[in-house]
């Protein structure tokens, strides 16, 4: 008997669910060491929520010697945490997510983040800077590489206010942005639909 694929299951497999959680005010009273531990725990809670939404059974969340997340049961995960928000996402292929607060940056950091050719693709604004920065960090996380390769990860096309394409190591990456409460989050989109949860 021929099996019939559930169309809802097929659709769900093409959707990723990045989750962003607000850091409670009480965390500000923690010592720096306690705060890091708290943020890490909250980010892992965001991983759990993303996995639940994807109907993925969560495995052990292990990291390598460089703190890069290791896949579990063929699934990939990524986390990010900042003073006001944490974020996470689970996906069936290499994935990366990043959050930053949008604020002023120096001209030297603009030049370090992107080449002249990349800046010619869009207006050179603080918002564009953070689109570039978070997109590149998401890609480098997905590739399992740190920021040392920032200059090798290049924006090649601006699709609209929420999507852009990058090239890293000969591979094309599609990234989606979400703006919220003076912050921006970027996640690897590639061939997925993206369903954001912001709490």
N, C-alpha and C. Protein backbone atom coordinates (compact mmCIF):
# COMPACT_ATOMS: atom_id res chain seq x y z
N UNK A 1 0.84 -1.19 0.00
CA UNK A 1 0.00 0.00 0.00
C UNK A 1 0.88 1.24 0.00
N UNK A 2 0.57 2.17 -0.86
CA UNK A 2 1.35 3.40 -0.96
C UNK A 2 0.98 4.32 0.20
N UNK A 3 2.03 4.86 0.87
CA UNK A 3 1.77 5.79 1.97
C UNK A 3 1.42 7.16 1.42
N UNK A 4 0.54 7.83 2.11
CA UNK A 4 0.13 9.18 1.71
C UNK A 4 0.74 10.17 2.67
N UNK A 5 1.51 11.10 2.15
CA UNK A 5 2.16 12.10 2.99
C UNK A 5 1.13 13.13 3.45
N UNK A 6 1.17 13.41 4.72
CA UNK A 6 0.27 14.42 5.29
C UNK A 6 0.71 15.80 4.82
N UNK A 7 -0.15 16.51 4.05
CA UNK A 7 0.28 17.83 3.56
C UNK A 7 0.58 18.81 4.66
N UNK A 8 -0.13 18.72 5.80
CA UNK A 8 0.15 19.62 6.92
C UNK A 8 1.54 19.35 7.48
N UNK A 9 1.93 18.07 7.54
CA UNK A 9 3.26 17.71 8.03
C UNK A 9 4.34 18.26 7.09
N UNK A 10 4.09 18.15 5.78
CA UNK A 10 5.05 18.66 4.80
C UNK A 10 5.21 20.17 4.95
N UNK A 11 4.10 20.88 5.13
CA UNK A 11 4.17 22.33 5.31
C UNK A 11 4.93 22.66 6.58
N UNK A 12 4.62 21.95 7.68
CA UNK A 12 5.27 22.22 8.96
C UNK A 12 6.78 22.03 8.85
N UNK A 13 7.23 21.04 8.07
CA UNK A 13 8.66 20.79 7.92
C UNK A 13 9.37 21.91 7.18
N UNK A 14 8.61 22.77 6.49
CA UNK A 14 9.22 23.89 5.77
C UNK A 14 9.13 25.19 6.56
N UNK A 15 8.66 25.11 7.79
CA UNK A 15 8.52 26.30 8.63
C UNK A 15 9.49 26.20 9.80
N UNK A 16 10.18 27.31 10.10
CA UNK A 16 10.99 27.38 11.32
C UNK A 16 10.35 28.39 12.25
N UNK A 17 10.60 28.21 13.54
CA UNK A 17 9.92 28.99 14.56
C UNK A 17 10.93 29.66 15.50
N UNK A 18 11.53 30.78 15.07
CA UNK A 18 12.39 31.50 15.99
C UNK A 18 11.57 32.07 17.15
N UNK A 19 12.13 31.98 18.35
CA UNK A 19 11.43 32.42 19.56
C UNK A 19 12.28 33.46 20.27
N UNK A 20 11.67 34.60 20.58
CA UNK A 20 12.35 35.67 21.32
C UNK A 20 11.60 35.90 22.62
N UNK A 21 12.33 35.84 23.74
CA UNK A 21 11.74 36.03 25.06
C UNK A 21 12.35 37.25 25.73
N UNK A 22 11.52 38.04 26.37
CA UNK A 22 11.99 39.21 27.13
C UNK A 22 12.66 38.76 28.42
N UNK A 23 13.74 39.43 28.78
CA UNK A 23 14.43 39.15 30.03
C UNK A 23 13.70 39.90 31.15
N UNK A 24 13.27 39.22 32.20
CA UNK A 24 12.55 39.91 33.28
C UNK A 24 13.44 40.92 34.00
N UNK A 25 12.82 41.98 34.52
CA UNK A 25 13.56 43.03 35.23
C UNK A 25 14.33 42.48 36.41
N UNK A 26 13.82 41.43 37.04
CA UNK A 26 14.49 40.86 38.21
C UNK A 26 15.90 40.38 37.89
N UNK A 27 16.15 40.04 36.63
CA UNK A 27 17.47 39.54 36.24
C UNK A 27 18.54 40.62 36.38
N UNK A 28 18.12 41.89 36.34
CA UNK A 28 19.09 42.99 36.48
C UNK A 28 19.74 43.01 37.85
N UNK A 29 19.09 42.41 38.84
CA UNK A 29 19.61 42.41 40.21
C UNK A 29 20.60 41.29 40.46
N UNK A 30 20.75 40.40 39.50
CA UNK A 30 21.67 39.28 39.65
C UNK A 30 23.12 39.74 39.49
N UNK A 31 24.04 39.00 40.09
CA UNK A 31 25.45 39.26 39.87
C UNK A 31 25.78 38.93 38.41
N UNK A 32 26.86 39.46 37.88
CA UNK A 32 27.20 39.16 36.48
C UNK A 32 27.25 37.66 36.18
N UNK A 33 27.83 36.89 37.08
CA UNK A 33 27.93 35.44 36.86
C UNK A 33 26.54 34.80 36.89
N UNK A 34 25.72 35.21 37.85
CA UNK A 34 24.35 34.67 37.94
C UNK A 34 23.53 35.07 36.72
N UNK A 35 23.76 36.29 36.25
CA UNK A 35 23.00 36.80 35.10
C UNK A 35 23.31 35.99 33.84
N UNK A 36 24.59 35.71 33.61
CA UNK A 36 24.97 34.91 32.44
C UNK A 36 24.30 33.54 32.50
N UNK A 37 24.31 32.92 33.68
CA UNK A 37 23.68 31.61 33.85
C UNK A 37 22.18 31.70 33.61
N UNK A 38 21.55 32.78 34.12
CA UNK A 38 20.12 32.95 33.93
C UNK A 38 19.77 33.14 32.46
N UNK A 39 20.53 34.00 31.76
CA UNK A 39 20.27 34.25 30.33
C UNK A 39 20.45 32.98 29.51
N UNK A 40 21.46 32.19 29.86
CA UNK A 40 21.69 30.93 29.15
C UNK A 40 20.50 29.98 29.35
N UNK A 41 20.00 29.92 30.58
CA UNK A 41 18.84 29.08 30.86
C UNK A 41 17.59 29.55 30.14
N UNK A 42 17.39 30.87 30.08
CA UNK A 42 16.22 31.42 29.40
C UNK A 42 16.33 31.18 27.89
N UNK A 43 17.53 31.30 27.35
CA UNK A 43 17.73 31.02 25.92
C UNK A 43 17.42 29.55 25.61
N UNK A 44 17.80 28.66 26.50
CA UNK A 44 17.50 27.25 26.30
C UNK A 44 16.00 26.99 26.41
N UNK A 45 15.31 27.78 27.22
CA UNK A 45 13.85 27.67 27.26
C UNK A 45 13.28 28.06 25.90
N UNK A 46 13.86 29.08 25.27
CA UNK A 46 13.42 29.49 23.93
C UNK A 46 13.67 28.36 22.92
N UNK A 47 14.78 27.61 23.08
CA UNK A 47 15.04 26.45 22.22
C UNK A 47 13.91 25.43 22.38
N UNK A 48 13.52 25.18 23.62
CA UNK A 48 12.45 24.21 23.90
C UNK A 48 11.15 24.62 23.21
N UNK A 49 10.81 25.92 23.30
CA UNK A 49 9.57 26.40 22.68
C UNK A 49 9.64 26.25 21.16
N UNK A 50 10.79 26.61 20.57
CA UNK A 50 10.96 26.48 19.12
C UNK A 50 10.82 25.02 18.69
N UNK A 51 11.42 24.12 19.46
CA UNK A 51 11.32 22.69 19.14
C UNK A 51 9.87 22.20 19.26
N UNK A 52 9.17 22.64 20.31
CA UNK A 52 7.77 22.25 20.49
C UNK A 52 6.93 22.69 19.30
N UNK A 53 7.13 23.94 18.86
CA UNK A 53 6.36 24.46 17.74
C UNK A 53 6.67 23.69 16.45
N UNK A 54 7.89 23.21 16.32
CA UNK A 54 8.30 22.44 15.14
C UNK A 54 7.96 20.96 15.26
N UNK A 55 7.43 20.58 16.43
CA UNK A 55 7.15 19.17 16.72
C UNK A 55 8.41 18.32 16.61
N UNK A 56 9.50 18.88 17.10
CA UNK A 56 10.78 18.18 17.16
C UNK A 56 11.02 17.77 18.61
N UNK A 57 11.36 16.50 18.81
CA UNK A 57 11.69 16.04 20.15
C UNK A 57 13.08 16.54 20.51
N UNK A 58 13.13 17.32 21.57
CA UNK A 58 14.39 17.95 21.94
C UNK A 58 15.38 16.92 22.46
N UNK A 59 16.61 16.99 21.97
CA UNK A 59 17.68 16.12 22.46
C UNK A 59 18.58 16.89 23.39
N UNK A 60 19.73 16.32 23.67
CA UNK A 60 20.70 16.98 24.55
C UNK A 60 21.29 18.19 23.84
N UNK A 61 21.28 19.33 24.52
CA UNK A 61 21.81 20.56 23.94
C UNK A 61 23.28 20.70 24.32
N UNK A 62 24.12 20.04 23.53
CA UNK A 62 25.56 20.05 23.80
C UNK A 62 26.26 21.06 22.89
N UNK A 63 27.43 21.51 23.34
CA UNK A 63 28.23 22.45 22.57
C UNK A 63 29.65 21.93 22.44
N UNK A 64 30.34 22.35 21.37
CA UNK A 64 31.72 21.92 21.19
C UNK A 64 32.65 22.80 22.02
N UNK A 65 33.95 22.62 21.84
CA UNK A 65 34.95 23.34 22.64
C UNK A 65 34.89 24.85 22.42
N UNK A 66 34.34 25.27 21.27
CA UNK A 66 34.22 26.71 20.98
C UNK A 66 32.83 27.24 21.33
N UNK A 67 32.03 26.42 22.03
CA UNK A 67 30.66 26.76 22.43
C UNK A 67 29.68 26.82 21.26
N UNK A 68 30.06 26.23 20.12
CA UNK A 68 29.12 26.15 18.99
C UNK A 68 28.16 25.00 19.26
N UNK A 69 26.84 25.22 19.08
CA UNK A 69 25.86 24.15 19.33
C UNK A 69 26.09 22.93 18.44
N UNK A 70 25.98 21.75 19.05
CA UNK A 70 26.09 20.50 18.30
C UNK A 70 24.70 19.99 17.95
N UNK A 71 24.51 19.45 16.74
CA UNK A 71 23.18 18.94 16.36
C UNK A 71 22.74 17.80 17.26
N UNK A 72 21.42 17.64 17.37
CA UNK A 72 20.86 16.50 18.09
C UNK A 72 19.84 15.82 17.18
N UNK A 73 19.94 14.51 17.04
CA UNK A 73 19.01 13.73 16.21
C UNK A 73 18.81 14.34 14.82
N UNK A 74 19.87 14.87 14.22
CA UNK A 74 19.77 15.46 12.89
C UNK A 74 19.17 16.85 12.85
N UNK A 75 18.96 17.46 14.02
CA UNK A 75 18.40 18.81 14.09
C UNK A 75 19.46 19.79 14.60
N UNK A 76 19.34 21.03 14.14
CA UNK A 76 20.31 22.07 14.49
C UNK A 76 19.62 23.13 15.34
N UNK A 77 20.41 23.85 16.14
CA UNK A 77 19.84 24.87 17.01
C UNK A 77 20.82 26.02 17.17
N UNK A 78 20.28 27.16 17.51
CA UNK A 78 21.10 28.35 17.70
C UNK A 78 20.44 29.23 18.76
N UNK A 79 21.27 29.88 19.57
CA UNK A 79 20.75 30.80 20.58
C UNK A 79 21.48 32.13 20.52
N UNK A 80 20.86 33.13 21.11
CA UNK A 80 21.48 34.45 21.27
C UNK A 80 20.90 35.08 22.52
N UNK A 81 21.72 35.82 23.24
CA UNK A 81 21.16 36.55 24.38
C UNK A 81 21.81 37.90 24.55
N UNK A 82 20.95 38.86 24.83
CA UNK A 82 21.33 40.24 25.06
C UNK A 82 20.70 40.69 26.38
N UNK A 83 21.04 41.87 26.90
CA UNK A 83 20.50 42.26 28.21
C UNK A 83 18.97 42.25 28.32
N UNK A 84 18.27 42.59 27.23
CA UNK A 84 16.82 42.69 27.30
C UNK A 84 16.06 41.52 26.69
N UNK A 85 16.71 40.76 25.81
CA UNK A 85 16.03 39.66 25.12
C UNK A 85 16.98 38.48 24.90
N UNK A 86 16.38 37.30 24.84
CA UNK A 86 17.11 36.11 24.38
C UNK A 86 16.34 35.55 23.18
N UNK A 87 17.01 34.77 22.37
CA UNK A 87 16.35 34.18 21.22
C UNK A 87 16.92 32.81 20.91
N UNK A 88 16.13 32.00 20.21
CA UNK A 88 16.58 30.67 19.83
C UNK A 88 15.75 30.17 18.66
N UNK A 89 16.30 29.18 17.96
CA UNK A 89 15.59 28.55 16.85
C UNK A 89 16.13 27.14 16.67
N UNK A 90 15.25 26.24 16.26
CA UNK A 90 15.61 24.85 15.94
C UNK A 90 15.21 24.62 14.49
N UNK A 91 16.03 23.87 13.74
CA UNK A 91 15.75 23.63 12.33
C UNK A 91 16.38 22.31 11.89
N UNK A 92 15.90 21.74 10.78
CA UNK A 92 16.47 20.49 10.28
C UNK A 92 17.74 20.68 9.45
N UNK A 93 18.24 21.89 9.35
CA UNK A 93 19.49 22.17 8.64
C UNK A 93 20.24 23.26 9.41
N UNK A 94 21.52 23.47 9.11
CA UNK A 94 22.30 24.46 9.87
C UNK A 94 21.57 25.80 9.97
N UNK A 95 21.55 26.36 11.17
CA UNK A 95 20.72 27.52 11.47
C UNK A 95 21.49 28.50 12.35
N UNK A 96 21.13 29.76 12.26
CA UNK A 96 21.74 30.78 13.11
C UNK A 96 20.73 31.88 13.38
N UNK A 97 20.84 32.47 14.57
CA UNK A 97 19.97 33.58 14.96
C UNK A 97 20.80 34.59 15.74
N UNK A 98 20.46 35.86 15.60
CA UNK A 98 21.15 36.89 16.37
C UNK A 98 20.19 38.02 16.68
N UNK A 99 20.39 38.66 17.82
CA UNK A 99 19.60 39.83 18.25
C UNK A 99 20.57 40.94 18.63
N UNK A 100 20.23 42.17 18.28
CA UNK A 100 20.99 43.33 18.72
C UNK A 100 20.04 44.49 19.00
N UNK A 101 20.43 45.34 19.92
CA UNK A 101 19.70 46.59 20.15
C UNK A 101 20.21 47.61 19.15
N UNK A 102 19.30 48.32 18.50
CA UNK A 102 19.70 49.31 17.49
C UNK A 102 20.11 50.60 18.20
N UNK A 103 21.36 50.97 18.05
CA UNK A 103 21.90 52.17 18.69
C UNK A 103 23.07 52.68 17.86
N UNK A 104 23.57 53.85 18.19
CA UNK A 104 24.63 54.48 17.41
C UNK A 104 25.90 53.62 17.38
N UNK A 105 26.58 53.65 16.25
CA UNK A 105 27.85 52.95 16.09
C UNK A 105 28.84 53.86 15.37
N UNK A 106 30.12 53.62 15.58
CA UNK A 106 31.16 54.47 15.00
C UNK A 106 31.35 54.16 13.52
N UNK A 107 31.87 55.13 12.80
CA UNK A 107 32.16 54.95 11.38
C UNK A 107 33.15 53.81 11.17
N UNK A 108 34.12 53.68 12.08
CA UNK A 108 35.12 52.62 11.93
C UNK A 108 34.47 51.23 12.02
N UNK A 109 33.44 51.09 12.85
CA UNK A 109 32.74 49.81 12.94
C UNK A 109 31.91 49.54 11.70
N UNK A 110 31.34 50.63 11.11
CA UNK A 110 30.64 50.47 9.83
C UNK A 110 31.60 49.89 8.79
N UNK A 111 32.82 50.43 8.73
CA UNK A 111 33.79 49.99 7.73
C UNK A 111 34.28 48.57 7.99
N UNK A 112 34.37 48.21 9.28
CA UNK A 112 34.81 46.86 9.64
C UNK A 112 33.74 45.82 9.30
N UNK A 113 32.48 46.23 9.38
CA UNK A 113 31.36 45.29 9.22
C UNK A 113 31.07 44.97 7.76
N UNK A 114 31.25 45.95 6.86
CA UNK A 114 30.91 45.72 5.45
C UNK A 114 31.84 46.53 4.55
N UNK A 115 32.02 46.02 3.35
CA UNK A 115 32.87 46.68 2.36
C UNK A 115 32.12 47.82 1.68
N UNK A 116 32.85 48.63 0.93
CA UNK A 116 32.23 49.72 0.17
C UNK A 116 31.17 49.17 -0.79
N UNK A 117 31.47 48.03 -1.42
CA UNK A 117 30.52 47.43 -2.36
C UNK A 117 29.22 47.03 -1.65
N UNK A 118 29.34 46.54 -0.43
CA UNK A 118 28.14 46.17 0.32
C UNK A 118 27.34 47.42 0.72
N UNK A 119 28.04 48.47 1.10
CA UNK A 119 27.33 49.69 1.49
C UNK A 119 26.65 50.36 0.29
N UNK A 120 27.12 50.10 -0.91
CA UNK A 120 26.47 50.65 -2.09
C UNK A 120 25.11 50.02 -2.36
N UNK A 121 24.81 48.90 -1.71
CA UNK A 121 23.53 48.21 -1.91
C UNK A 121 22.37 48.89 -1.18
N UNK A 122 22.68 49.70 -0.17
CA UNK A 122 21.62 50.29 0.66
C UNK A 122 22.10 51.58 1.30
N UNK A 123 21.16 52.35 1.83
CA UNK A 123 21.53 53.56 2.55
C UNK A 123 22.38 53.20 3.76
N UNK A 124 23.40 54.00 3.99
CA UNK A 124 24.33 53.71 5.08
C UNK A 124 23.78 54.29 6.38
N UNK A 125 22.83 53.57 6.97
CA UNK A 125 22.17 54.01 8.20
C UNK A 125 22.46 53.03 9.33
N UNK A 126 22.10 53.42 10.54
CA UNK A 126 22.27 52.54 11.69
C UNK A 126 21.41 51.28 11.52
N UNK A 127 20.21 51.45 10.99
CA UNK A 127 19.33 50.28 10.78
C UNK A 127 19.98 49.30 9.80
N UNK A 128 20.57 49.82 8.71
CA UNK A 128 21.24 48.95 7.74
C UNK A 128 22.44 48.28 8.38
N UNK A 129 23.20 49.04 9.19
CA UNK A 129 24.34 48.45 9.89
C UNK A 129 23.92 47.22 10.67
N UNK A 130 22.83 47.34 11.43
CA UNK A 130 22.41 46.21 12.26
C UNK A 130 21.78 45.09 11.43
N UNK A 131 21.18 45.42 10.31
CA UNK A 131 20.74 44.36 9.40
C UNK A 131 21.95 43.54 8.95
N UNK A 132 23.00 44.23 8.53
CA UNK A 132 24.21 43.56 8.06
C UNK A 132 24.85 42.76 9.20
N UNK A 133 25.02 43.40 10.34
CA UNK A 133 25.73 42.77 11.46
C UNK A 133 25.02 41.50 11.91
N UNK A 134 23.71 41.60 12.17
CA UNK A 134 22.98 40.44 12.68
C UNK A 134 22.86 39.34 11.63
N UNK A 135 22.71 39.73 10.37
CA UNK A 135 22.64 38.74 9.29
C UNK A 135 23.95 37.97 9.19
N UNK A 136 25.06 38.68 9.22
CA UNK A 136 26.36 38.03 9.12
C UNK A 136 26.60 37.13 10.33
N UNK A 137 26.22 37.60 11.51
CA UNK A 137 26.43 36.76 12.69
C UNK A 137 25.57 35.50 12.61
N UNK A 138 24.34 35.62 12.12
CA UNK A 138 23.48 34.44 11.97
C UNK A 138 24.11 33.43 11.00
N UNK A 139 24.63 33.92 9.88
CA UNK A 139 25.27 33.04 8.90
C UNK A 139 26.50 32.36 9.49
N UNK A 140 27.34 33.13 10.17
CA UNK A 140 28.55 32.56 10.73
C UNK A 140 28.25 31.56 11.84
N UNK A 141 27.17 31.78 12.58
CA UNK A 141 26.73 30.79 13.57
C UNK A 141 26.30 29.50 12.87
N UNK A 142 25.52 29.65 11.80
CA UNK A 142 25.04 28.47 11.07
C UNK A 142 26.21 27.68 10.48
N UNK A 143 27.26 28.40 10.08
CA UNK A 143 28.43 27.76 9.49
C UNK A 143 29.37 27.20 10.57
N UNK A 144 29.09 27.51 11.83
CA UNK A 144 29.93 27.03 12.92
C UNK A 144 31.23 27.78 13.05
N UNK A 145 31.24 29.02 12.54
CA UNK A 145 32.45 29.86 12.54
C UNK A 145 32.17 31.12 13.35
N UNK A 146 33.16 31.63 14.01
CA UNK A 146 32.99 32.85 14.78
C UNK A 146 33.13 34.11 13.94
N UNK A 147 33.12 35.24 14.62
CA UNK A 147 33.17 36.54 13.93
C UNK A 147 34.50 36.80 13.23
N UNK A 148 35.46 35.90 13.40
CA UNK A 148 36.75 36.12 12.72
C UNK A 148 36.60 36.15 11.21
N UNK A 149 35.53 35.54 10.69
CA UNK A 149 35.30 35.52 9.25
C UNK A 149 34.29 36.59 8.81
N UNK A 150 34.09 37.60 9.64
CA UNK A 150 33.10 38.63 9.33
C UNK A 150 33.31 39.24 7.95
N UNK A 151 34.55 39.55 7.62
CA UNK A 151 34.82 40.20 6.32
C UNK A 151 34.64 39.25 5.14
N UNK A 152 34.66 37.94 5.39
CA UNK A 152 34.49 36.96 4.31
C UNK A 152 33.01 36.67 4.05
N UNK A 153 32.16 37.10 4.95
CA UNK A 153 30.71 36.92 4.80
C UNK A 153 30.17 38.21 4.22
N UNK A 154 29.62 38.16 3.01
CA UNK A 154 29.31 39.39 2.29
C UNK A 154 27.83 39.46 1.89
N UNK A 155 27.25 40.63 2.12
CA UNK A 155 25.88 40.88 1.65
C UNK A 155 25.96 41.07 0.14
N UNK A 156 25.12 40.31 -0.60
CA UNK A 156 25.18 40.41 -2.06
C UNK A 156 23.90 40.97 -2.67
N UNK A 157 22.80 40.97 -1.89
CA UNK A 157 21.56 41.52 -2.45
C UNK A 157 20.60 41.89 -1.32
N UNK A 158 19.98 43.06 -1.45
CA UNK A 158 18.91 43.49 -0.55
C UNK A 158 17.60 43.21 -1.27
N UNK A 159 16.79 42.34 -0.71
CA UNK A 159 15.52 41.99 -1.35
C UNK A 159 14.42 42.97 -0.98
N UNK A 160 14.33 43.33 0.29
CA UNK A 160 13.36 44.30 0.79
C UNK A 160 13.78 44.68 2.20
N UNK A 161 12.90 45.32 2.96
CA UNK A 161 13.25 45.79 4.30
C UNK A 161 13.45 44.67 5.31
N UNK A 162 13.08 43.44 4.95
CA UNK A 162 13.16 42.34 5.92
C UNK A 162 13.93 41.12 5.42
N UNK A 163 14.47 41.19 4.20
CA UNK A 163 15.18 40.03 3.65
C UNK A 163 16.41 40.49 2.87
N UNK A 164 17.49 39.72 3.02
CA UNK A 164 18.67 39.97 2.20
C UNK A 164 19.41 38.65 1.98
N UNK A 165 20.29 38.66 0.97
CA UNK A 165 21.08 37.48 0.63
C UNK A 165 22.54 37.75 0.93
N UNK A 166 23.22 36.71 1.40
CA UNK A 166 24.65 36.81 1.67
C UNK A 166 25.38 35.66 1.00
N UNK A 167 26.68 35.86 0.82
CA UNK A 167 27.55 34.80 0.33
C UNK A 167 28.62 34.55 1.37
N UNK A 168 28.77 33.30 1.73
CA UNK A 168 29.87 32.93 2.63
C UNK A 168 30.45 31.60 2.17
N UNK A 169 31.72 31.60 1.92
CA UNK A 169 32.44 30.39 1.52
C UNK A 169 31.80 29.73 0.28
N UNK A 170 31.35 30.58 -0.66
CA UNK A 170 30.80 30.08 -1.91
C UNK A 170 29.37 29.59 -1.82
N UNK A 171 28.74 29.77 -0.67
CA UNK A 171 27.36 29.35 -0.50
C UNK A 171 26.47 30.57 -0.28
N UNK A 172 25.28 30.55 -0.88
CA UNK A 172 24.33 31.64 -0.73
C UNK A 172 23.42 31.38 0.48
N UNK A 173 23.21 32.39 1.30
CA UNK A 173 22.37 32.30 2.49
C UNK A 173 21.29 33.37 2.41
N UNK A 174 20.06 33.00 2.72
CA UNK A 174 18.96 33.96 2.79
C UNK A 174 18.66 34.22 4.26
N UNK A 175 18.50 35.51 4.60
CA UNK A 175 18.26 35.90 5.99
C UNK A 175 16.99 36.74 6.07
N UNK A 176 16.23 36.51 7.15
CA UNK A 176 15.04 37.32 7.42
C UNK A 176 15.26 38.10 8.71
N UNK A 177 14.79 39.37 8.71
CA UNK A 177 14.90 40.23 9.89
C UNK A 177 13.52 40.46 10.51
N UNK A 178 13.54 40.73 11.81
CA UNK A 178 12.33 41.17 12.50
C UNK A 178 12.72 42.33 13.41
N UNK A 179 12.05 43.47 13.27
CA UNK A 179 12.30 44.64 14.11
C UNK A 179 11.27 44.66 15.23
N UNK A 180 11.72 44.96 16.46
CA UNK A 180 10.80 45.04 17.60
C UNK A 180 11.46 45.82 18.74
N UNK A 181 10.72 46.71 19.35
CA UNK A 181 11.15 47.42 20.55
C UNK A 181 12.61 47.87 20.51
N UNK A 182 12.99 48.61 19.48
CA UNK A 182 14.35 49.14 19.30
C UNK A 182 15.40 48.05 19.12
N UNK A 183 14.99 46.84 18.77
CA UNK A 183 15.90 45.73 18.53
C UNK A 183 15.67 45.17 17.12
N UNK A 184 16.61 44.38 16.67
CA UNK A 184 16.47 43.63 15.43
C UNK A 184 16.92 42.20 15.69
N UNK A 185 16.18 41.26 15.13
CA UNK A 185 16.58 39.85 15.15
C UNK A 185 16.73 39.38 13.72
N UNK A 186 17.75 38.57 13.48
CA UNK A 186 17.95 37.97 12.15
C UNK A 186 18.06 36.47 12.30
N UNK A 187 17.47 35.76 11.33
CA UNK A 187 17.53 34.30 11.34
C UNK A 187 17.76 33.80 9.92
N UNK A 188 18.45 32.68 9.79
CA UNK A 188 18.64 32.06 8.48
C UNK A 188 17.29 31.60 7.96
N UNK A 189 16.91 32.07 6.79
CA UNK A 189 15.63 31.70 6.20
C UNK A 189 15.80 30.59 5.16
N UNK A 190 16.74 30.77 4.25
CA UNK A 190 16.95 29.85 3.13
C UNK A 190 15.61 29.46 2.51
N UNK A 191 15.25 28.19 2.48
CA UNK A 191 14.00 27.77 1.83
C UNK A 191 12.84 27.62 2.80
N UNK A 192 13.01 28.09 4.02
CA UNK A 192 11.95 27.97 5.02
C UNK A 192 11.02 29.17 5.02
N UNK A 193 9.80 28.94 5.48
CA UNK A 193 8.95 30.04 5.91
C UNK A 193 9.32 30.29 7.37
N UNK A 194 9.17 31.53 7.82
CA UNK A 194 9.55 31.88 9.17
C UNK A 194 8.33 32.35 9.94
N UNK A 195 8.10 31.73 11.09
CA UNK A 195 6.97 32.09 11.96
C UNK A 195 7.55 32.54 13.30
N UNK A 196 7.64 33.85 13.50
CA UNK A 196 8.25 34.42 14.69
C UNK A 196 7.34 34.35 15.90
N UNK A 197 7.93 34.12 17.07
CA UNK A 197 7.24 34.30 18.35
C UNK A 197 8.06 35.29 19.16
N UNK A 198 7.43 36.41 19.51
CA UNK A 198 8.10 37.42 20.33
C UNK A 198 7.28 37.64 21.57
N UNK A 199 7.87 37.34 22.73
CA UNK A 199 7.13 37.42 23.99
C UNK A 199 7.76 38.47 24.88
